[in-house]
Amino acid sequence: MTTFAIAALVLIMLPGPDQALITANSLAGGRSGGVLTMIGGVLGLGVHALAAALGLSALLLASATAFTALKIVGTVYLLWLSIQLLRSAMRSRRSSEVADVVAAPRRGSTYLRQGFLSNALNPKVALFFVTFLPQFLSVDSASFQAESLTLSGVFALLYLAWFGLYITVVARLGRWLRRPSVKARIEQVTGLLLATVAVRLATESR
């Protein structure tokens, strides 16, 4: 369990689409925007964790058609998020007043939905729960499903702990990070990162 927790935390801490999206939404919607995105993200992880425990993820990965379909949907969604962030970066760069940048209210469900879909539609997340997590399951486990869900729960708790801390740091630096020039640069980098992830997702094989 300890070995799994350490390995999982390292993976969670690596920069990726989750961190990029949580950063952008923390700037757009403050702490609540970041928290809702994080909750959506962990719910998206839960979909794959449950599917893996039930053996559905293995079936998904075994079907080239189903895997390709999910990959296409995930790629399109990440590209859509990327375009939205790049457009927001252009608006932030043109803005000269902090109020103009902050006053871009979104419904809480938007942040929740973005976090959820970014993970739920990512076949690489399914691959993680099918290939990485089983390596830490006990050979003589009485219940494969129960142990799999337990490790998934540990992963989810570490996810919430790390990004909860991360959101707190972003909130502390919020005033500086929301300056038009700084916010525009962060949104631009985030948008380009998501676009890169989308391209890699579209071109990588299983």
C-alpha atoms as a PDB file:
ATOM      1  CA  MET A   1       0.000   0.000   0.000  1.00  0.00           C
ATOM      2  CA  THR A   2       2.809   2.428   0.899  1.00  0.00           C
ATOM      3  CA  THR A   3       4.645   1.731  -2.348  1.00  0.00           C
ATOM      4  CA  PHE A   4       1.460   2.275  -4.323  1.00  0.00           C
ATOM      5  CA  ALA A   5       0.722   5.533  -2.476  1.00  0.00           C
ATOM      6  CA  ILE A   6       4.193   6.912  -3.221  1.00  0.00           C
ATOM      7  CA  ALA A   7       4.042   5.926  -6.887  1.00  0.00           C
ATOM      8  CA  ALA A   8       0.508   7.290  -7.250  1.00  0.00           C
ATOM      9  CA  LEU A   9       1.423  10.609  -5.619  1.00  0.00           C
ATOM     10  CA  VAL A  10       4.367  11.039  -7.979  1.00  0.00           C
ATOM     11  CA  LEU A  11       2.070  10.466 -10.957  1.00  0.00           C
ATOM     12  CA  ILE A  12      -0.515  12.900  -9.609  1.00  0.00           C
ATOM     13  CA  MET A  13       2.111  15.599  -9.030  1.00  0.00           C
ATOM     14  CA  LEU A  14       3.450  15.398 -12.580  1.00  0.00           C
ATOM     15  CA  PRO A  15       2.257  18.388 -14.678  1.00  0.00           C
ATOM     16  CA  GLY A  16      -0.579  17.365 -16.947  1.00  0.00           C
ATOM     17  CA  PRO A  17      -4.067  18.279 -18.177  1.00  0.00           C
ATOM     18  CA  ASP A  18      -5.588  18.094 -14.665  1.00  0.00           C
ATOM     19  CA  GLN A  19      -3.147  20.625 -13.260  1.00  0.00           C
ATOM     20  CA  ALA A  20      -3.524  22.848 -16.304  1.00  0.00           C
ATOM     21  CA  LEU A  21      -7.323  22.865 -16.125  1.00  0.00           C
ATOM     22  CA  ILE A  22      -7.437  23.361 -12.351  1.00  0.00           C
ATOM     23  CA  THR A  23      -5.013  26.280 -12.654  1.00  0.00           C
ATOM     24  CA  ALA A  24      -7.052  27.970 -15.363  1.00  0.00           C
ATOM     25  CA  ASN A  25     -10.361  27.490 -13.555  1.00  0.00           C
ATOM     26  CA  SER A  26      -8.895  28.631 -10.230  1.00  0.00           C
ATOM     27  CA  LEU A  27      -7.956  31.892 -11.932  1.00  0.00           C
ATOM     28  CA  ALA A  28     -11.319  32.220 -13.652  1.00  0.00           C
ATOM     29  CA  GLY A  29     -13.538  31.215 -10.744  1.00  0.00           C
ATOM     30  CA  GLY A  30     -11.358  31.602  -7.677  1.00  0.00           C
ATOM     31  CA  ARG A  31     -10.941  28.883  -5.083  1.00  0.00           C
ATOM     32  CA  SER A  32     -14.446  27.522  -5.700  1.00  0.00           C
ATOM     33  CA  GLY A  33     -13.749  27.185  -9.423  1.00  0.00           C
ATOM     34  CA  GLY A  34     -10.605  25.197  -8.701  1.00  0.00           C
ATOM     35  CA  VAL A  35     -12.274  23.010  -6.071  1.00  0.00           C
ATOM     36  CA  LEU A  36     -15.233  22.193  -8.318  1.00  0.00           C
ATOM     37  CA  THR A  37     -12.865  21.303 -11.166  1.00  0.00           C
ATOM     38  CA  MET A  38     -10.912  19.065  -8.791  1.00  0.00           C
ATOM     39  CA  ILE A  39     -14.102  17.344  -7.595  1.00  0.00           C
ATOM     40  CA  GLY A  40     -15.177  16.825 -11.194  1.00  0.00           C
ATOM     41  CA  GLY A  41     -11.760  15.379 -11.958  1.00  0.00           C
ATOM     42  CA  VAL A  42     -11.918  12.868  -9.124  1.00  0.00           C
ATOM     43  CA  LEU A  43     -15.437  11.856 -10.188  1.00  0.00           C
ATOM     44  CA  GLY A  44     -14.067  11.250 -13.671  1.00  0.00           C
ATOM     45  CA  LEU A  45     -11.370   9.055 -12.160  1.00  0.00           C
ATOM     46  CA  GLY A  46     -14.086   7.207 -10.278  1.00  0.00           C
ATOM     47  CA  VAL A  47     -15.772   6.222 -13.532  1.00  0.00           C
ATOM     48  CA  HIS A  48     -12.608   4.472 -14.731  1.00  0.00           C
ATOM     49  CA  ALA A  49     -11.870   2.996 -11.301  1.00  0.00           C
ATOM     50  CA  LEU A  50     -15.310   1.393 -11.133  1.00  0.00           C
ATOM     51  CA  ALA A  51     -15.097   0.243 -14.747  1.00  0.00           C
ATOM     52  CA  ALA A  52     -11.685  -1.325 -14.110  1.00  0.00           C
ATOM     53  CA  ALA A  53     -12.934  -3.131 -10.994  1.00  0.00           C
ATOM     54  CA  LEU A  54     -15.866  -4.543 -12.958  1.00  0.00           C
ATOM     55  CA  GLY A  55     -13.657  -5.549 -15.875  1.00  0.00           C
ATOM     56  CA  LEU A  56     -15.267  -3.063 -18.272  1.00  0.00           C
ATOM     57  CA  SER A  57     -12.048  -1.128 -18.917  1.00  0.00           C
ATOM     58  CA  ALA A  58     -10.335  -4.315 -20.054  1.00  0.00           C
ATOM     59  CA  LEU A  59     -13.145  -4.861 -22.547  1.00  0.00           C
ATOM     60  CA  LEU A  60     -12.818  -1.262 -23.734  1.00  0.00           C
ATOM     61  CA  LEU A  61      -9.086  -1.618 -24.297  1.00  0.00           C
ATOM     62  CA  ALA A  62      -9.612  -4.957 -26.044  1.00  0.00           C
ATOM     63  CA  SER A  63     -11.977  -3.363 -28.568  1.00  0.00           C
ATOM     64  CA  ALA A  64     -10.049  -1.286 -31.090  1.00  0.00           C
ATOM     65  CA  THR A  65     -13.245   0.410 -32.255  1.00  0.00           C
ATOM     66  CA  ALA A  66     -14.423   1.394 -28.764  1.00  0.00           C
ATOM     67  CA  PHE A  67     -10.963   2.590 -27.735  1.00  0.00           C
ATOM     68  CA  THR A  68     -10.561   4.671 -30.902  1.00  0.00           C
ATOM     69  CA  ALA A  69     -14.010   6.196 -30.462  1.00  0.00           C
ATOM     70  CA  LEU A  70     -13.242   7.233 -26.875  1.00  0.00           C
ATOM     71  CA  LYS A  71      -9.866   8.577 -27.979  1.00  0.00           C
ATOM     72  CA  ILE A  72     -11.459  10.719 -30.674  1.00  0.00           C
ATOM     73  CA  VAL A  73     -14.070  12.126 -28.295  1.00  0.00           C
ATOM     74  CA  GLY A  74     -11.402  12.843 -25.664  1.00  0.00           C
ATOM     75  CA  THR A  75      -9.143  14.519 -28.227  1.00  0.00           C
ATOM     76  CA  VAL A  76     -11.919  16.745 -29.544  1.00  0.00           C
ATOM     77  CA  TYR A  77     -12.919  17.764 -26.016  1.00  0.00           C
ATOM     78  CA  LEU A  78      -9.334  18.663 -25.026  1.00  0.00           C
ATOM     79  CA  LEU A  79      -8.913  20.673 -28.244  1.00  0.00           C
ATOM     80  CA  TRP A  80     -12.165  22.503 -27.490  1.00  0.00           C
ATOM     81  CA  LEU A  81     -10.901  23.390 -23.997  1.00  0.00           C
ATOM     82  CA  SER A  82      -7.591  24.497 -25.516  1.00  0.00           C
ATOM     83  CA  ILE A  83      -9.316  26.839 -27.957  1.00  0.00           C
ATOM     84  CA  GLN A  84     -11.451  28.329 -25.167  1.00  0.00           C
ATOM     85  CA  LEU A  85      -8.343  29.048 -23.070  1.00  0.00           C
ATOM     86  CA  LEU A  86      -6.422  30.538 -25.979  1.00  0.00           C
ATOM     87  CA  ARG A  87      -9.361  32.813 -26.767  1.00  0.00           C
ATOM     88  CA  SER A  88      -9.540  33.817 -23.102  1.00  0.00           C
ATOM     89  CA  ALA A  89      -5.800  34.560 -23.183  1.00  0.00           C
ATOM     90  CA  MET A  90      -6.341  36.942 -26.097  1.00  0.00           C
ATOM     91  CA  ARG A  91      -9.106  38.730 -24.194  1.00  0.00           C
ATOM     92  CA  SER A  92      -6.964  38.931 -21.050  1.00  0.00           C
ATOM     93  CA  ARG A  93      -4.069  40.378 -23.031  1.00  0.00           C
ATOM     94  CA  ARG A  94      -6.312  43.084 -24.475  1.00  0.00           C
ATOM     95  CA  SER A  95      -7.730  43.910 -21.064  1.00  0.00           C
ATOM     96  CA  SER A  96      -6.145  46.633 -18.985  1.00  0.00           C
ATOM     97  CA  GLU A  97      -8.362  46.372 -15.889  1.00  0.00           C
ATOM     98  CA  VAL A  98      -8.258  43.559 -13.333  1.00  0.00           C
ATOM     99  CA  ALA A  99     -12.011  43.833 -12.881  1.00  0.00           C
ATOM    100  CA  ASP A 100     -12.513  42.930 -16.511  1.00  0.00           C
ATOM    101  CA  VAL A 101     -10.508  39.772 -16.053  1.00  0.00           C
ATOM    102  CA  VAL A 102     -12.109  38.611 -12.829  1.00  0.00           C
ATOM    103  CA  ALA A 103     -15.659  39.401 -13.899  1.00  0.00           C
ATOM    104  CA  ALA A 104     -16.169  36.370 -16.126  1.00  0.00           C
ATOM    105  CA  PRO A 105     -18.678  34.421 -14.019  1.00  0.00           C
ATOM    106  CA  ARG A 106     -19.440  30.839 -14.899  1.00  0.00           C
ATOM    107  CA  ARG A 107     -21.862  28.454 -13.325  1.00  0.00           C
ATOM    108  CA  GLY A 108     -20.339  26.078 -10.825  1.00  0.00           C
ATOM    109  CA  SER A 109     -21.601  23.171 -12.911  1.00  0.00           C
ATOM    110  CA  THR A 110     -19.328  24.315 -15.754  1.00  0.00           C
ATOM    111  CA  TYR A 111     -16.185  23.793 -13.673  1.00  0.00           C
ATOM    112  CA  LEU A 112     -17.497  20.490 -12.354  1.00  0.00           C
ATOM    113  CA  ARG A 113     -18.372  19.277 -15.840  1.00  0.00           C
ATOM    114  CA  GLN A 114     -15.013  20.283 -17.306  1.00  0.00           C
ATOM    115  CA  GLY A 115     -13.093  18.437 -14.604  1.00  0.00           C
ATOM    116  CA  PHE A 116     -15.282  15.357 -14.953  1.00  0.00           C
ATOM    117  CA  LEU A 117     -15.175  15.116 -18.736  1.00  0.00           C
ATOM    118  CA  SER A 118     -11.442  15.779 -18.992  1.00  0.00           C
ATOM    119  CA  ASN A 119     -10.811  12.547 -17.053  1.00  0.00           C
ATOM    120  CA  ALA A 120     -13.875  10.491 -17.961  1.00  0.00           C
ATOM    121  CA  LEU A 121     -13.178  10.908 -21.698  1.00  0.00           C
ATOM    122  CA  ASN A 122      -9.456  10.265 -21.415  1.00  0.00           C
ATOM    123  CA  PRO A 123      -8.587   6.687 -22.474  1.00  0.00           C
ATOM    124  CA  LYS A 124      -5.132   7.102 -20.919  1.00  0.00           C
ATOM    125  CA  VAL A 125      -6.828   7.236 -17.520  1.00  0.00           C
ATOM    126  CA  ALA A 126      -8.573   3.951 -18.315  1.00  0.00           C
ATOM    127  CA  LEU A 127      -5.199   2.548 -19.316  1.00  0.00           C
ATOM    128  CA  PHE A 128      -3.755   3.606 -15.958  1.00  0.00           C
ATOM    129  CA  PHE A 129      -6.397   1.718 -13.980  1.00  0.00           C
ATOM    130  CA  VAL A 130      -6.008  -1.383 -16.151  1.00  0.00           C
ATOM    131  CA  THR A 131      -2.202  -1.554 -16.385  1.00  0.00           C
ATOM    132  CA  PHE A 132      -0.634   0.382 -13.496  1.00  0.00           C
ATOM    133  CA  LEU A 133      -2.981  -0.249 -10.602  1.00  0.00           C
ATOM    134  CA  PRO A 134      -3.200  -4.072 -10.989  1.00  0.00           C
ATOM    135  CA  GLN A 135       0.568  -4.307 -10.435  1.00  0.00           C
ATOM    136  CA  PHE A 136      -0.065  -3.518  -6.759  1.00  0.00           C
ATOM    137  CA  LEU A 137      -2.859  -6.029  -6.220  1.00  0.00           C
ATOM    138  CA  SER A 138      -2.116  -9.040  -4.020  1.00  0.00           C
ATOM    139  CA  VAL A 139      -1.923 -12.330  -5.854  1.00  0.00           C
ATOM    140  CA  ASP A 140      -3.762 -14.089  -3.036  1.00  0.00           C
ATOM    141  CA  SER A 141      -6.374 -11.357  -2.615  1.00  0.00           C
ATOM    142  CA  ALA A 142      -9.758 -12.662  -1.495  1.00  0.00           C
ATOM    143  CA  SER A 143     -11.547 -10.080  -3.618  1.00  0.00           C
ATOM    144  CA  PHE A 144      -9.908  -8.497  -6.658  1.00  0.00           C
ATOM    145  CA  GLN A 145     -12.706  -5.953  -7.015  1.00  0.00           C
ATOM    146  CA  ALA A 146     -12.582  -4.856  -3.365  1.00  0.00           C
ATOM    147  CA  GLU A 147      -8.816  -4.407  -3.344  1.00  0.00           C
ATOM    148  CA  SER A 148      -8.904  -2.618  -6.689  1.00  0.00           C
ATOM    149  CA  LEU A 149     -11.522  -0.170  -5.397  1.00  0.00           C
ATOM    150  CA  THR A 150      -9.511   0.326  -2.190  1.00  0.00           C
ATOM    151  CA  LEU A 151      -6.394   1.311  -4.139  1.00  0.00           C
ATOM    152  CA  SER A 152      -8.530   3.532  -6.364  1.00  0.00           C
ATOM    153  CA  GLY A 153      -9.879   5.195  -3.213  1.00  0.00           C
ATOM    154  CA  VAL A 154      -6.317   5.826  -1.998  1.00  0.00           C
ATOM    155  CA  PHE A 155      -5.489   7.356  -5.377  1.00  0.00           C
ATOM    156  CA  ALA A 156      -8.568   9.587  -5.171  1.00  0.00           C
ATOM    157  CA  LEU A 157      -7.668  10.782  -1.658  1.00  0.00           C
ATOM    158  CA  LEU A 158      -4.120  11.604  -2.746  1.00  0.00           C
ATOM    159  CA  TYR A 159      -5.532  13.410  -5.772  1.00  0.00           C
ATOM    160  CA  LEU A 160      -7.781  15.531  -3.547  1.00  0.00           C
ATOM    161  CA  ALA A 161      -5.002  16.200  -1.028  1.00  0.00           C
ATOM    162  CA  TRP A 162      -2.450  17.303  -3.626  1.00  0.00           C
ATOM    163  CA  PHE A 163      -4.745  19.462  -5.702  1.00  0.00           C
ATOM    164  CA  GLY A 164      -6.424  20.856  -2.585  1.00  0.00           C
ATOM    165  CA  LEU A 165      -2.994  22.117  -1.510  1.00  0.00           C
ATOM    166  CA  TYR A 166      -2.251  23.303  -5.030  1.00  0.00           C
ATOM    167  CA  ILE A 167      -5.502  25.293  -5.215  1.00  0.00           C
ATOM    168  CA  THR A 168      -4.689  26.919  -1.860  1.00  0.00           C
ATOM    169  CA  VAL A 169      -1.339  28.100  -3.227  1.00  0.00           C
ATOM    170  CA  VAL A 170      -2.964  29.444  -6.391  1.00  0.00           C
ATOM    171  CA  ALA A 171      -5.591  31.237  -4.263  1.00  0.00           C
ATOM    172  CA  ARG A 172      -2.851  32.837  -2.123  1.00  0.00           C
ATOM    173  CA  LEU A 173      -1.184  34.138  -5.267  1.00  0.00           C
ATOM    174  CA  GLY A 174      -4.526  34.950  -6.857  1.00  0.00           C
ATOM    175  CA  ARG A 175      -4.193  38.736  -6.973  1.00  0.00           C
ATOM    176  CA  TRP A 176      -0.850  38.552  -8.758  1.00  0.00           C
ATOM    177  CA  LEU A 177      -1.854  35.647 -11.009  1.00  0.00           C
ATOM    178  CA  ARG A 178      -5.000  37.488 -12.129  1.00  0.00           C
ATOM    179  CA  ARG A 179      -3.060  40.470 -13.463  1.00  0.00           C
ATOM    180  CA  PRO A 180      -4.013  40.654 -17.167  1.00  0.00           C
ATOM    181  CA  SER A 181      -0.521  39.977 -18.492  1.00  0.00           C
ATOM    182  CA  VAL A 182       0.163  37.120 -16.075  1.00  0.00           C
ATOM    183  CA  LYS A 183      -3.286  35.572 -16.506  1.00  0.00           C
ATOM    184  CA  ALA A 184      -2.978  35.762 -20.286  1.00  0.00           C
ATOM    185  CA  ARG A 185       0.373  33.992 -20.207  1.00  0.00           C
ATOM    186  CA  ILE A 186      -0.935  31.233 -17.917  1.00  0.00           C
ATOM    187  CA  GLU A 187      -4.028  30.724 -20.081  1.00  0.00           C
ATOM    188  CA  GLN A 188      -1.876  30.639 -23.201  1.00  0.00           C
ATOM    189  CA  VAL A 189       0.524  28.063 -21.749  1.00  0.00           C
ATOM    190  CA  THR A 190      -2.397  26.019 -20.400  1.00  0.00           C
ATOM    191  CA  GLY A 191      -4.187  26.106 -23.745  1.00  0.00           C
ATOM    192  CA  LEU A 192      -1.053  25.028 -25.606  1.00  0.00           C
ATOM    193  CA  LEU A 193      -0.447  22.260 -23.064  1.00  0.00           C
ATOM    194  CA  LEU A 194      -3.958  20.883 -23.503  1.00  0.00           C
ATOM    195  CA  ALA A 195      -3.572  21.078 -27.284  1.00  0.00           C
ATOM    196  CA  THR A 196      -0.293  19.150 -27.020  1.00  0.00           C
ATOM    197  CA  VAL A 197      -1.931  16.509 -24.845  1.00  0.00           C
ATOM    198  CA  ALA A 198      -4.791  16.254 -27.352  1.00  0.00           C
ATOM    199  CA  VAL A 199      -2.384  15.761 -30.273  1.00  0.00           C
ATOM    200  CA  ARG A 200      -0.406  13.133 -28.356  1.00  0.00           C
ATOM    201  CA  LEU A 201      -3.624  11.383 -27.410  1.00  0.00           C
ATOM    202  CA  ALA A 202      -4.708  11.330 -31.051  1.00  0.00           C
ATOM    203  CA  THR A 203      -1.406  10.056 -32.394  1.00  0.00           C
ATOM    204  CA  GLU A 204      -0.238   7.643 -29.694  1.00  0.00           C
ATOM    205  CA  SER A 205      -1.024   3.990 -29.976  1.00  0.00           C
ATOM    206  CA  ARG A 206      -2.070   1.890 -26.999  1.00  0.00           C
END
